[in-house]
Amino acid sequence: MKNRIMYIETKEDGVSGSARIGRVTFSKTGRSVYYRGRRFEALKNGGFKSNYFDCETGEEYWVSGCKKKGGDRLYPGTVEIDVDVREEYWTEIREMPEKRRTATIRCPGKYGGRGPN
């Protein structure tokens, strides 16, 4: 199965939530991704600021490729980077090898301090 480093954010309040960068594995069809023993299925019509849901809990998530310049979050918050992907994330995706041991990012978010509507 194919795997990739991705941005994963839970939509705890429907708009924003805790976020991580980690390695996901894709199903053969690509409709499901697996992360930390959990299976996430693609939402058929997309949700409100979400594109996957946890098959066990029904919680909605945003799962996407990591942006080269950072800024993966829509709203300000912290993003944790899994220890097993840190070096690859900082050297291959962000091209900032000097930060390869950095475990968190404080992201201003696409919408800055405006907060969720």
PDB file of N, CA and C in Angstrom:
ATOM      1  N   MET A   1       0.831  -1.183   0.000  1.00  0.00           N
ATOM      2  CA  MET A   1       0.000   0.000   0.000  1.00  0.00           C
ATOM      3  C   MET A   1       0.879   1.251   0.000  1.00  0.00           C
ATOM      4  N   LYS A   2       0.399   2.272  -0.690  1.00  0.00           N
ATOM      5  CA  LYS A   2       1.115   3.532  -0.799  1.00  0.00           C
ATOM      6  C   LYS A   2       0.998   4.317   0.505  1.00  0.00           C
ATOM      7  N   ASN A   3       2.071   5.011   0.894  1.00  0.00           N
ATOM      8  CA  ASN A   3       1.997   5.855   2.079  1.00  0.00           C
ATOM      9  C   ASN A   3       2.588   7.224   1.762  1.00  0.00           C
ATOM     10  N   ARG A   4       2.241   8.198   2.610  1.00  0.00           N
ATOM     11  CA  ARG A   4       2.652   9.574   2.369  1.00  0.00           C
ATOM     12  C   ARG A   4       2.559  10.366   3.666  1.00  0.00           C
ATOM     13  N   ILE A   5       3.415  11.350   3.824  1.00  0.00           N
ATOM     14  CA  ILE A   5       3.318  12.255   4.965  1.00  0.00           C
ATOM     15  C   ILE A   5       2.199  13.249   4.658  1.00  0.00           C
ATOM     16  N   MET A   6       1.234  13.353   5.603  1.00  0.00           N
ATOM     17  CA  MET A   6       0.054  14.190   5.386  1.00  0.00           C
ATOM     18  C   MET A   6      -0.251  15.034   6.624  1.00  0.00           C
ATOM     19  N   TYR A   7      -1.032  16.061   6.399  1.00  0.00           N
ATOM     20  CA  TYR A   7      -1.561  16.914   7.454  1.00  0.00           C
ATOM     21  C   TYR A   7      -2.926  16.337   7.861  1.00  0.00           C
ATOM     22  N   ILE A   8      -3.147  16.146   9.173  1.00  0.00           N
ATOM     23  CA  ILE A   8      -4.371  15.528   9.683  1.00  0.00           C
ATOM     24  C   ILE A   8      -4.930  16.420  10.793  1.00  0.00           C
ATOM     25  N   GLU A   9      -6.119  16.948  10.592  1.00  0.00           N
ATOM     26  CA  GLU A   9      -6.737  17.818  11.608  1.00  0.00           C
ATOM     27  C   GLU A   9      -8.137  17.333  11.921  1.00  0.00           C
ATOM     28  N   THR A  10      -8.407  17.132  13.206  1.00  0.00           N
ATOM     29  CA  THR A  10      -9.755  16.769  13.629  1.00  0.00           C
ATOM     30  C   THR A  10     -10.606  18.029  13.628  1.00  0.00           C
ATOM     31  N   LYS A  11     -11.867  17.889  13.351  1.00  0.00           N
ATOM     32  CA  LYS A  11     -12.785  19.032  13.343  1.00  0.00           C
ATOM     33  C   LYS A  11     -13.670  18.930  14.580  1.00  0.00           C
ATOM     34  N   GLU A  12     -13.022  18.994  15.746  1.00  0.00           N
ATOM     35  CA  GLU A  12     -13.685  18.811  17.034  1.00  0.00           C
ATOM     36  C   GLU A  12     -14.883  19.723  17.221  1.00  0.00           C
ATOM     37  N   ASP A  13     -14.770  20.973  16.795  1.00  0.00           N
ATOM     38  CA  ASP A  13     -15.882  21.914  16.956  1.00  0.00           C
ATOM     39  C   ASP A  13     -16.621  22.151  15.643  1.00  0.00           C
ATOM     40  N   GLY A  14     -16.339  21.292  14.658  1.00  0.00           N
ATOM     41  CA  GLY A  14     -16.962  21.434  13.357  1.00  0.00           C
ATOM     42  C   GLY A  14     -16.151  22.263  12.386  1.00  0.00           C
ATOM     43  N   VAL A  15     -15.197  23.048  12.902  1.00  0.00           N
ATOM     44  CA  VAL A  15     -14.407  23.934  12.048  1.00  0.00           C
ATOM     45  C   VAL A  15     -12.908  23.735  12.254  1.00  0.00           C
ATOM     46  N   SER A  16     -12.489  23.552  13.495  1.00  0.00           N
ATOM     47  CA  SER A  16     -11.069  23.497  13.810  1.00  0.00           C
ATOM     48  C   SER A  16     -10.827  22.508  14.948  1.00  0.00           C
ATOM     49  N   GLY A  17      -9.600  22.023  15.058  1.00  0.00           N
ATOM     50  CA  GLY A  17      -9.278  21.101  16.136  1.00  0.00           C
ATOM     51  C   GLY A  17      -7.798  20.806  16.182  1.00  0.00           C
ATOM     52  N   SER A  18      -7.418  19.788  16.941  1.00  0.00           N
ATOM     53  CA  SER A  18      -6.014  19.432  17.064  1.00  0.00           C
ATOM     54  C   SER A  18      -5.500  18.915  15.723  1.00  0.00           C
ATOM     55  N   ALA A  19      -4.205  19.168  15.472  1.00  0.00           N
ATOM     56  CA  ALA A  19      -3.633  18.824  14.174  1.00  0.00           C
ATOM     57  C   ALA A  19      -2.276  18.158  14.326  1.00  0.00           C
ATOM     58  N   ARG A  20      -1.971  17.285  13.360  1.00  0.00           N
ATOM     59  CA  ARG A  20      -0.707  16.547  13.353  1.00  0.00           C
ATOM     60  C   ARG A  20      -0.212  16.425  11.924  1.00  0.00           C
ATOM     61  N   ILE A  21       1.062  16.162  11.823  1.00  0.00           N
ATOM     62  CA  ILE A  21       1.658  15.769  10.553  1.00  0.00           C
ATOM     63  C   ILE A  21       2.218  14.379  10.795  1.00  0.00           C
ATOM     64  N   GLY A  22       1.773  13.421   9.972  1.00  0.00           N
ATOM     65  CA  GLY A  22       2.193  12.039  10.151  1.00  0.00           C
ATOM     66  C   GLY A  22       2.066  11.259   8.865  1.00  0.00           C
ATOM     67  N   ARG A  23       2.497  10.024   8.914  1.00  0.00           N
ATOM     68  CA  ARG A  23       2.462   9.170   7.733  1.00  0.00           C
ATOM     69  C   ARG A  23       1.162   8.383   7.695  1.00  0.00           C
ATOM     70  N   VAL A  24       0.441   8.528   6.590  1.00  0.00           N
ATOM     71  CA  VAL A  24      -0.783   7.762   6.382  1.00  0.00           C
ATOM     72  C   VAL A  24      -0.533   6.726   5.296  1.00  0.00           C
ATOM     73  N   THR A  25      -1.330   5.691   5.328  1.00  0.00           N
ATOM     74  CA  THR A  25      -1.290   4.651   4.300  1.00  0.00           C
ATOM     75  C   THR A  25      -2.635   4.663   3.595  1.00  0.00           C
ATOM     76  N   PHE A  26      -2.614   4.537   2.286  1.00  0.00           N
ATOM     77  CA  PHE A  26      -3.835   4.559   1.484  1.00  0.00           C
ATOM     78  C   PHE A  26      -4.311   3.147   1.187  1.00  0.00           C
ATOM     79  N   SER A  27      -5.627   2.980   1.110  1.00  0.00           N
ATOM     80  CA  SER A  27      -6.201   1.708   0.671  1.00  0.00           C
ATOM     81  C   SER A  27      -5.937   1.567  -0.827  1.00  0.00           C
ATOM     82  N   LYS A  28      -6.198   0.400  -1.364  1.00  0.00           N
ATOM     83  CA  LYS A  28      -5.998   0.169  -2.806  1.00  0.00           C
ATOM     84  C   LYS A  28      -6.816   1.135  -3.655  1.00  0.00           C
ATOM     85  N   THR A  29      -8.034   1.431  -3.217  1.00  0.00           N
ATOM     86  CA  THR A  29      -8.907   2.325  -3.992  1.00  0.00           C
ATOM     87  C   THR A  29      -8.586   3.797  -3.760  1.00  0.00           C
ATOM     88  N   GLY A  30      -7.896   4.107  -2.660  1.00  0.00           N
ATOM     89  CA  GLY A  30      -7.590   5.489  -2.319  1.00  0.00           C
ATOM     90  C   GLY A  30      -8.714   6.195  -1.579  1.00  0.00           C
ATOM     91  N   ARG A  31      -9.839   5.515  -1.347  1.00  0.00           N
ATOM     92  CA  ARG A  31     -10.974   6.122  -0.639  1.00  0.00           C
ATOM     93  C   ARG A  31     -10.791   6.114   0.880  1.00  0.00           C
ATOM     94  N   SER A  32      -9.876   5.272   1.362  1.00  0.00           N
ATOM     95  CA  SER A  32      -9.606   5.202   2.795  1.00  0.00           C
ATOM     96  C   SER A  32      -8.137   5.492   3.051  1.00  0.00           C
ATOM     97  N   VAL A  33      -7.880   6.128   4.207  1.00  0.00           N
ATOM     98  CA  VAL A  33      -6.509   6.294   4.667  1.00  0.00           C
ATOM     99  C   VAL A  33      -6.436   5.724   6.076  1.00  0.00           C
ATOM    100  N   TYR A  34      -5.282   5.230   6.424  1.00  0.00           N
ATOM    101  CA  TYR A  34      -5.054   4.641   7.733  1.00  0.00           C
ATOM    102  C   TYR A  34      -3.969   5.435   8.439  1.00  0.00           C
ATOM    103  N   TYR A  35      -4.247   5.762   9.706  1.00  0.00           N
ATOM    104  CA  TYR A  35      -3.284   6.523  10.501  1.00  0.00           C
ATOM    105  C   TYR A  35      -3.412   6.099  11.955  1.00  0.00           C
ATOM    106  N   ARG A  36      -2.293   5.682  12.537  1.00  0.00           N
ATOM    107  CA  ARG A  36      -2.251   5.269  13.950  1.00  0.00           C
ATOM    108  C   ARG A  36      -3.332   4.249  14.310  1.00  0.00           C
ATOM    109  N   GLY A  37      -3.502   3.257  13.451  1.00  0.00           N
ATOM    110  CA  GLY A  37      -4.452   2.187  13.715  1.00  0.00           C
ATOM    111  C   GLY A  37      -5.906   2.544  13.467  1.00  0.00           C
ATOM    112  N   ARG A  38      -6.147   3.727  12.925  1.00  0.00           N
ATOM    113  CA  ARG A  38      -7.512   4.163  12.645  1.00  0.00           C
ATOM    114  C   ARG A  38      -7.737   4.217  11.144  1.00  0.00           C
ATOM    115  N   ARG A  39      -8.998   3.998  10.743  1.00  0.00           N
ATOM    116  CA  ARG A  39      -9.347   4.063   9.323  1.00  0.00           C
ATOM    117  C   ARG A  39     -10.245   5.268   9.095  1.00  0.00           C
ATOM    118  N   PHE A  40      -9.873   6.069   8.106  1.00  0.00           N
ATOM    119  CA  PHE A  40     -10.638   7.248   7.734  1.00  0.00           C
ATOM    120  C   PHE A  40     -11.157   7.051   6.318  1.00  0.00           C
ATOM    121  N   GLU A  41     -12.450   7.253   6.151  1.00  0.00           N
ATOM    122  CA  GLU A  41     -13.101   7.070   4.853  1.00  0.00           C
ATOM    123  C   GLU A  41     -13.402   8.452   4.275  1.00  0.00           C
ATOM    124  N   ALA A  42     -13.199   8.611   2.972  1.00  0.00           N
ATOM    125  CA  ALA A  42     -13.501   9.881   2.309  1.00  0.00           C
ATOM    126  C   ALA A  42     -14.988  10.177   2.390  1.00  0.00           C
ATOM    127  N   LEU A  43     -15.328  11.407   2.705  1.00  0.00           N
ATOM    128  CA  LEU A  43     -16.732  11.829   2.692  1.00  0.00           C
ATOM    129  C   LEU A  43     -17.188  11.916   1.247  1.00  0.00           C
ATOM    130  N   LYS A  44     -18.331  11.376   0.957  1.00  0.00           N
ATOM    131  CA  LYS A  44     -18.814  11.337  -0.425  1.00  0.00           C
ATOM    132  C   LYS A  44     -19.009  12.718  -1.030  1.00  0.00           C
ATOM    133  N   ASN A  45     -19.613  13.639  -0.300  1.00  0.00           N
ATOM    134  CA  ASN A  45     -19.855  14.983  -0.819  1.00  0.00           C
ATOM    135  C   ASN A  45     -19.036  16.039  -0.100  1.00  0.00           C
ATOM    136  N   GLY A  46     -18.085  15.605   0.693  1.00  0.00           N
ATOM    137  CA  GLY A  46     -17.310  16.553   1.482  1.00  0.00           C
ATOM    138  C   GLY A  46     -18.153  17.101   2.615  1.00  0.00           C
ATOM    139  N   GLY A  47     -17.493  17.462   3.675  1.00  0.00           N
ATOM    140  CA  GLY A  47     -18.198  18.037   4.814  1.00  0.00           C
ATOM    141  C   GLY A  47     -17.893  19.516   4.874  1.00  0.00           C
ATOM    142  N   PHE A  48     -18.293  20.143   5.947  1.00  0.00           N
ATOM    143  CA  PHE A  48     -17.980  21.540   6.161  1.00  0.00           C
ATOM    144  C   PHE A  48     -16.553  21.605   6.692  1.00  0.00           C
ATOM    145  N   LYS A  49     -15.627  21.959   5.848  1.00  0.00           N
ATOM    146  CA  LYS A  49     -14.205  22.051   6.176  1.00  0.00           C
ATOM    147  C   LYS A  49     -13.612  20.690   6.573  1.00  0.00           C
ATOM    148  N   SER A  50     -14.197  19.608   6.064  1.00  0.00           N
ATOM    149  CA  SER A  50     -13.670  18.270   6.307  1.00  0.00           C
ATOM    150  C   SER A  50     -13.801  17.448   5.033  1.00  0.00           C
ATOM    151  N   ASN A  51     -12.939  16.423   4.937  1.00  0.00           N
ATOM    152  CA  ASN A  51     -12.996  15.576   3.746  1.00  0.00           C
ATOM    153  C   ASN A  51     -12.955  14.082   4.072  1.00  0.00           C
ATOM    154  N   TYR A  52     -12.747  13.731   5.335  1.00  0.00           N
ATOM    155  CA  TYR A  52     -12.716  12.334   5.778  1.00  0.00           C
ATOM    156  C   TYR A  52     -13.459  12.217   7.098  1.00  0.00           C
ATOM    157  N   PHE A  53     -13.870  10.995   7.438  1.00  0.00           N
ATOM    158  CA  PHE A  53     -14.431  10.736   8.760  1.00  0.00           C
ATOM    159  C   PHE A  53     -13.822   9.465   9.312  1.00  0.00           C
ATOM    160  N   ASP A  54     -13.709   9.408  10.634  1.00  0.00           N
ATOM    161  CA  ASP A  54     -13.201   8.240  11.339  1.00  0.00           C
ATOM    162  C   ASP A  54     -14.290   7.177  11.293  1.00  0.00           C
ATOM    163  N   CYS A  55     -13.981   6.024  10.732  1.00  0.00           N
ATOM    164  CA  CYS A  55     -14.978   4.950  10.559  1.00  0.00           C
ATOM    165  C   CYS A  55     -15.524   4.423  11.872  1.00  0.00           C
ATOM    166  N   GLU A  56     -14.762   4.527  12.947  1.00  0.00           N
ATOM    167  CA  GLU A  56     -15.211   4.012  14.247  1.00  0.00           C
ATOM    168  C   GLU A  56     -16.042   5.031  15.021  1.00  0.00           C
ATOM    169  N   THR A  57     -15.612   6.297  15.016  1.00  0.00           N
ATOM    170  CA  THR A  57     -16.277   7.311  15.840  1.00  0.00           C
ATOM    171  C   THR A  57     -17.209   8.235  15.056  1.00  0.00           C
ATOM    172  N   GLY A  58     -17.010   8.322  13.743  1.00  0.00           N
ATOM    173  CA  GLY A  58     -17.809   9.235  12.927  1.00  0.00           C
ATOM    174  C   GLY A  58     -17.280  10.665  12.931  1.00  0.00           C
ATOM    175  N   GLU A  59     -16.240  10.936  13.731  1.00  0.00           N
ATOM    176  CA  GLU A  59     -15.668  12.282  13.785  1.00  0.00           C
ATOM    177  C   GLU A  59     -15.109  12.682  12.420  1.00  0.00           C
ATOM    178  N   GLU A  60     -15.280  13.956  12.072  1.00  0.00           N
ATOM    179  CA  GLU A  60     -14.797  14.438  10.797  1.00  0.00           C
ATOM    180  C   GLU A  60     -13.389  15.011  10.912  1.00  0.00           C
ATOM    181  N   TYR A  61     -12.628  14.884   9.805  1.00  0.00           N
ATOM    182  CA  TYR A  61     -11.233  15.309   9.742  1.00  0.00           C
ATOM    183  C   TYR A  61     -10.953  15.992   8.415  1.00  0.00           C
ATOM    184  N   TRP A  62      -9.902  16.789   8.416  1.00  0.00           N
ATOM    185  CA  TRP A  62      -9.323  17.307   7.177  1.00  0.00           C
ATOM    186  C   TRP A  62      -7.987  16.600   7.026  1.00  0.00           C
ATOM    187  N   VAL A  63      -7.796  15.896   5.916  1.00  0.00           N
ATOM    188  CA  VAL A  63      -6.541  15.196   5.626  1.00  0.00           C
ATOM    189  C   VAL A  63      -6.073  15.703   4.270  1.00  0.00           C
ATOM    190  N   SER A  64      -4.841  16.213   4.228  1.00  0.00           N
ATOM    191  CA  SER A  64      -4.326  16.749   2.965  1.00  0.00           C
ATOM    192  C   SER A  64      -2.808  16.671   2.933  1.00  0.00           C
ATOM    193  N   GLY A  65      -2.269  16.890   1.757  1.00  0.00           N
ATOM    194  CA  GLY A  65      -0.831  16.950   1.605  1.00  0.00           C
ATOM    195  C   GLY A  65      -0.286  18.152   2.353  1.00  0.00           C
ATOM    196  N   CYS A  66       0.955  18.040   2.807  1.00  0.00           N
ATOM    197  CA  CYS A  66       1.599  19.130   3.537  1.00  0.00           C
ATOM    198  C   CYS A  66       2.060  20.216   2.567  1.00  0.00           C
ATOM    199  N   LYS A  67       1.861  21.441   2.961  1.00  0.00           N
ATOM    200  CA  LYS A  67       2.287  22.570   2.139  1.00  0.00           C
ATOM    201  C   LYS A  67       3.772  22.850   2.356  1.00  0.00           C
ATOM    202  N   LYS A  68       4.470  23.110   1.284  1.00  0.00           N
ATOM    203  CA  LYS A  68       5.906  23.362   1.344  1.00  0.00           C
ATOM    204  C   LYS A  68       6.242  24.553   2.244  1.00  0.00           C
ATOM    205  N   LYS A  69       5.388  25.558   2.250  1.00  0.00           N
ATOM    206  CA  LYS A  69       5.635  26.752   3.052  1.00  0.00           C
ATOM    207  C   LYS A  69       4.974  26.684   4.422  1.00  0.00           C
ATOM    208  N   GLY A  70       4.428  25.531   4.782  1.00  0.00           N
ATOM    209  CA  GLY A  70       3.694  25.417   6.036  1.00  0.00           C
ATOM    210  C   GLY A  70       2.296  25.965   5.829  1.00  0.00           C
ATOM    211  N   GLY A  71       1.704  26.500   6.853  1.00  0.00           N
ATOM    212  CA  GLY A  71       0.387  27.106   6.716  1.00  0.00           C
ATOM    213  C   GLY A  71      -0.713  26.121   6.370  1.00  0.00           C
ATOM    214  N   ASP A  72      -0.654  24.918   6.905  1.00  0.00           N
ATOM    215  CA  ASP A  72      -1.672  23.910   6.607  1.00  0.00           C
ATOM    216  C   ASP A  72      -3.009  24.196   7.278  1.00  0.00           C
ATOM    217  N   ARG A  73      -2.989  24.862   8.421  1.00  0.00           N
ATOM    218  CA  ARG A  73      -4.225  25.136   9.165  1.00  0.00           C
ATOM    219  C   ARG A  73      -5.006  26.281   8.539  1.00  0.00           C
ATOM    220  N   LEU A  74      -6.338  26.236   8.661  1.00  0.00           N
ATOM    221  CA  LEU A  74      -7.166  27.365   8.241  1.00  0.00           C
ATOM    222  C   LEU A  74      -7.165  28.456   9.304  1.00  0.00           C
ATOM    223  N   TYR A  75      -7.168  28.051  10.581  1.00  0.00           N
ATOM    224  CA  TYR A  75      -7.208  28.991  11.683  1.00  0.00           C
ATOM    225  C   TYR A  75      -5.984  28.772  12.569  1.00  0.00           C
ATOM    226  N   PRO A  76      -5.534  29.802  13.296  1.00  0.00           N
ATOM    227  CA  PRO A  76      -4.311  29.695  14.101  1.00  0.00           C
ATOM    228  C   PRO A  76      -4.337  28.503  15.062  1.00  0.00           C
ATOM    229  N   GLY A  77      -3.173  27.898  15.242  1.00  0.00           N
ATOM    230  CA  GLY A  77      -3.048  26.785  16.170  1.00  0.00           C
ATOM    231  C   GLY A  77      -1.717  26.087  16.043  1.00  0.00           C
ATOM    232  N   THR A  78      -1.520  25.108  16.872  1.00  0.00           N
ATOM    233  CA  THR A  78      -0.285  24.333  16.899  1.00  0.00           C
ATOM    234  C   THR A  78      -0.470  23.049  16.107  1.00  0.00           C
ATOM    235  N   VAL A  79       0.583  22.655  15.411  1.00  0.00           N
ATOM    236  CA  VAL A  79       0.590  21.396  14.663  1.00  0.00           C
ATOM    237  C   VAL A  79       1.734  20.557  15.208  1.00  0.00           C
ATOM    238  N   GLU A  80       1.441  19.346  15.655  1.00  0.00           N
ATOM    239  CA  GLU A  80       2.472  18.432  16.134  1.00  0.00           C
ATOM    240  C   GLU A  80       2.971  17.584  14.967  1.00  0.00           C
ATOM    241  N   ILE A  81       4.269  17.284  14.998  1.00  0.00           N
ATOM    242  CA  ILE A  81       4.875  16.473  13.940  1.00  0.00           C
ATOM    243  C   ILE A  81       5.329  15.157  14.557  1.00  0.00           C
ATOM    244  N   ASP A  82       4.818  14.056  14.039  1.00  0.00           N
ATOM    245  CA  ASP A  82       5.183  12.738  14.554  1.00  0.00           C
ATOM    246  C   ASP A  82       6.690  12.538  14.465  1.00  0.00           C
ATOM    247  N   VAL A  83       7.254  11.925  15.486  1.00  0.00           N
ATOM    248  CA  VAL A  83       8.696  11.738  15.572  1.00  0.00           C
ATOM    249  C   VAL A  83       9.260  10.939  14.392  1.00  0.00           C
ATOM    250  N   ASP A  84       8.491   9.963  13.886  1.00  0.00           N
ATOM    251  CA  ASP A  84       9.001   9.110  12.810  1.00  0.00           C
ATOM    252  C   ASP A  84       9.028   9.801  11.441  1.00  0.00           C
ATOM    253  N   VAL A  85       8.437  11.006  11.325  1.00  0.00           N
ATOM    254  CA  VAL A  85       8.449  11.710  10.036  1.00  0.00           C
ATOM    255  C   VAL A  85       9.160  13.062  10.099  1.00  0.00           C
ATOM    256  N   ARG A  86       9.611  13.471  11.265  1.00  0.00           N
ATOM    257  CA  ARG A  86      10.195  14.816  11.422  1.00  0.00           C
ATOM    258  C   ARG A  86      11.313  15.106  10.443  1.00  0.00           C
ATOM    259  N   GLU A  87      12.296  14.243  10.397  1.00  0.00           N
ATOM    260  CA  GLU A  87      13.438  14.523   9.531  1.00  0.00           C
ATOM    261  C   GLU A  87      13.017  14.615   8.063  1.00  0.00           C
ATOM    262  N   GLU A  88      12.219  13.674   7.620  1.00  0.00           N
ATOM    263  CA  GLU A  88      11.759  13.698   6.232  1.00  0.00           C
ATOM    264  C   GLU A  88      10.890  14.928   5.956  1.00  0.00           C
ATOM    265  N   TYR A  89      10.011  15.283   6.876  1.00  0.00           N
ATOM    266  CA  TYR A  89       9.150  16.451   6.713  1.00  0.00           C
ATOM    267  C   TYR A  89       9.995  17.719   6.542  1.00  0.00           C
ATOM    268  N   TRP A  90      10.943  17.913   7.462  1.00  0.00           N
ATOM    269  CA  TRP A  90      11.736  19.148   7.431  1.00  0.00           C
ATOM    270  C   TRP A  90      12.742  19.192   6.284  1.00  0.00           C
ATOM    271  N   THR A  91      13.273  18.048   5.884  1.00  0.00           N
ATOM    272  CA  THR A  91      14.269  18.073   4.808  1.00  0.00           C
ATOM    273  C   THR A  91      13.654  17.948   3.423  1.00  0.00           C
ATOM    274  N   GLU A  92      12.683  17.064   3.237  1.00  0.00           N
ATOM    275  CA  GLU A  92      12.107  16.811   1.916  1.00  0.00           C
ATOM    276  C   GLU A  92      10.944  17.743   1.561  1.00  0.00           C
ATOM    277  N   ILE A  93      10.052  17.992   2.513  1.00  0.00           N
ATOM    278  CA  ILE A  93       8.859  18.792   2.223  1.00  0.00           C
ATOM    279  C   ILE A  93       9.122  20.281   2.439  1.00  0.00           C
ATOM    280  N   ARG A  94       9.628  20.635   3.597  1.00  0.00           N
ATOM    281  CA  ARG A  94       9.844  22.048   3.914  1.00  0.00           C
ATOM    282  C   ARG A  94      11.202  22.575   3.462  1.00  0.00           C
ATOM    283  N   GLU A  95      12.135  21.682   3.163  1.00  0.00           N
ATOM    284  CA  GLU A  95      13.501  22.050   2.751  1.00  0.00           C
ATOM    285  C   GLU A  95      14.178  22.962   3.778  1.00  0.00           C
ATOM    286  N   MET A  96      14.037  22.579   5.039  1.00  0.00           N
ATOM    287  CA  MET A  96      14.628  23.299   6.164  1.00  0.00           C
ATOM    288  C   MET A  96      15.311  22.285   7.089  1.00  0.00           C
ATOM    289  N   PRO A  97      16.378  21.643   6.624  1.00  0.00           N
ATOM    290  CA  PRO A  97      16.991  20.567   7.414  1.00  0.00           C
ATOM    291  C   PRO A  97      17.468  20.990   8.795  1.00  0.00           C
ATOM    292  N   GLU A  98      17.736  22.263   8.989  1.00  0.00           N
ATOM    293  CA  GLU A  98      18.182  22.731  10.301  1.00  0.00           C
ATOM    294  C   GLU A  98      17.095  22.571  11.372  1.00  0.00           C
ATOM    295  N   LYS A  99      15.845  22.384  10.979  1.00  0.00           N
ATOM    296  CA  LYS A  99      14.732  22.223  11.913  1.00  0.00           C
ATOM    297  C   LYS A  99      14.318  20.769  12.092  1.00  0.00           C
ATOM    298  N   ARG A 100      15.108  19.837  11.605  1.00  0.00           N
ATOM    299  CA  ARG A 100      14.699  18.425  11.562  1.00  0.00           C
ATOM    300  C   ARG A 100      14.322  17.811  12.907  1.00  0.00           C
ATOM    301  N   ARG A 101      14.662  18.461  13.998  1.00  0.00           N
ATOM    302  CA  ARG A 101      14.286  17.945  15.314  1.00  0.00           C
ATOM    303  C   ARG A 101      13.099  18.715  15.925  1.00  0.00           C
ATOM    304  N   THR A 102      12.570  19.670  15.207  1.00  0.00           N
ATOM    305  CA  THR A 102      11.449  20.478  15.691  1.00  0.00           C
ATOM    306  C   THR A 102      10.174  19.641  15.704  1.00  0.00           C
ATOM    307  N   ALA A 103       9.503  19.625  16.858  1.00  0.00           N
ATOM    308  CA  ALA A 103       8.353  18.744  17.056  1.00  0.00           C
ATOM    309  C   ALA A 103       7.005  19.422  16.854  1.00  0.00           C
ATOM    310  N   THR A 104       6.945  20.748  16.926  1.00  0.00           N
ATOM    311  CA  THR A 104       5.682  21.452  16.749  1.00  0.00           C
ATOM    312  C   THR A 104       5.882  22.703  15.904  1.00  0.00           C
ATOM    313  N   ILE A 105       4.785  23.124  15.296  1.00  0.00           N
ATOM    314  CA  ILE A 105       4.771  24.344  14.506  1.00  0.00           C
ATOM    315  C   ILE A 105       3.627  25.194  15.036  1.00  0.00           C
ATOM    316  N   ARG A 106       3.879  26.450  15.258  1.00  0.00           N
ATOM    317  CA  ARG A 106       2.795  27.388  15.594  1.00  0.00           C
ATOM    318  C   ARG A 106       2.370  28.007  14.273  1.00  0.00           C
ATOM    319  N   CYS A 107       1.207  27.647  13.798  1.00  0.00           N
ATOM    320  CA  CYS A 107       0.726  28.057  12.479  1.00  0.00           C
ATOM    321  C   CYS A 107      -0.250  29.221  12.612  1.00  0.00           C
ATOM    322  N   PRO A 108      -0.009  30.320  11.884  1.00  0.00           N
ATOM    323  CA  PRO A 108      -0.924  31.461  11.967  1.00  0.00           C
ATOM    324  C   PRO A 108      -2.273  31.189  11.311  1.00  0.00           C
ATOM    325  N   GLY A 109      -2.341  30.191  10.454  1.00  0.00           N
ATOM    326  CA  GLY A 109      -3.577  29.846   9.774  1.00  0.00           C
ATOM    327  C   GLY A 109      -3.833  30.718   8.560  1.00  0.00           C
ATOM    328  N   LYS A 110      -4.532  30.162   7.630  1.00  0.00           N
ATOM    329  CA  LYS A 110      -4.866  30.876   6.400  1.00  0.00           C
ATOM    330  C   LYS A 110      -5.668  32.137   6.694  1.00  0.00           C
ATOM    331  N   TYR A 111      -6.556  32.052   7.704  1.00  0.00           N
ATOM    332  CA  TYR A 111      -7.412  33.179   8.035  1.00  0.00           C
ATOM    333  C   TYR A 111      -6.911  33.971   9.228  1.00  0.00           C
ATOM    334  N   GLY A 112      -5.637  33.772   9.597  1.00  0.00           N
ATOM    335  CA  GLY A 112      -5.024  34.566  10.661  1.00  0.00           C
ATOM    336  C   GLY A 112      -5.831  34.597  11.940  1.00  0.00           C
ATOM    337  N   GLY A 113      -5.923  35.752  12.541  1.00  0.00           N
ATOM    338  CA  GLY A 113      -6.602  35.902  13.820  1.00  0.00           C
ATOM    339  C   GLY A 113      -8.101  36.087  13.703  1.00  0.00           C
ATOM    340  N   ARG A 114      -8.658  35.951  12.535  1.00  0.00           N
ATOM    341  CA  ARG A 114     -10.102  36.191  12.365  1.00  0.00           C
ATOM    342  C   ARG A 114     -10.969  35.135  13.028  1.00  0.00           C
ATOM    343  N   GLY A 115     -10.428  33.962  13.243  1.00  0.00           N
ATOM    344  CA  GLY A 115     -11.200  32.909  13.910  1.00  0.00           C
ATOM    345  C   GLY A 115     -12.292  32.339  13.040  1.00  0.00           C
ATOM    346  N   PRO A 116     -12.838  31.182  13.428  1.00  0.00           N
ATOM    347  CA  PRO A 116     -13.887  30.545  12.655  1.00  0.00           C
ATOM    348  C   PRO A 116     -15.164  31.376  12.646  1.00  0.00           C
ATOM    349  N   ASN A 117     -15.863  31.352  11.530  1.00  0.00           N
ATOM    350  CA  ASN A 117     -17.140  32.088  11.418  1.00  0.00           C
ATOM    351  C   ASN A 117     -18.275  31.219  11.892  1.00  0.00           C
TER     352      ASN A 117
END
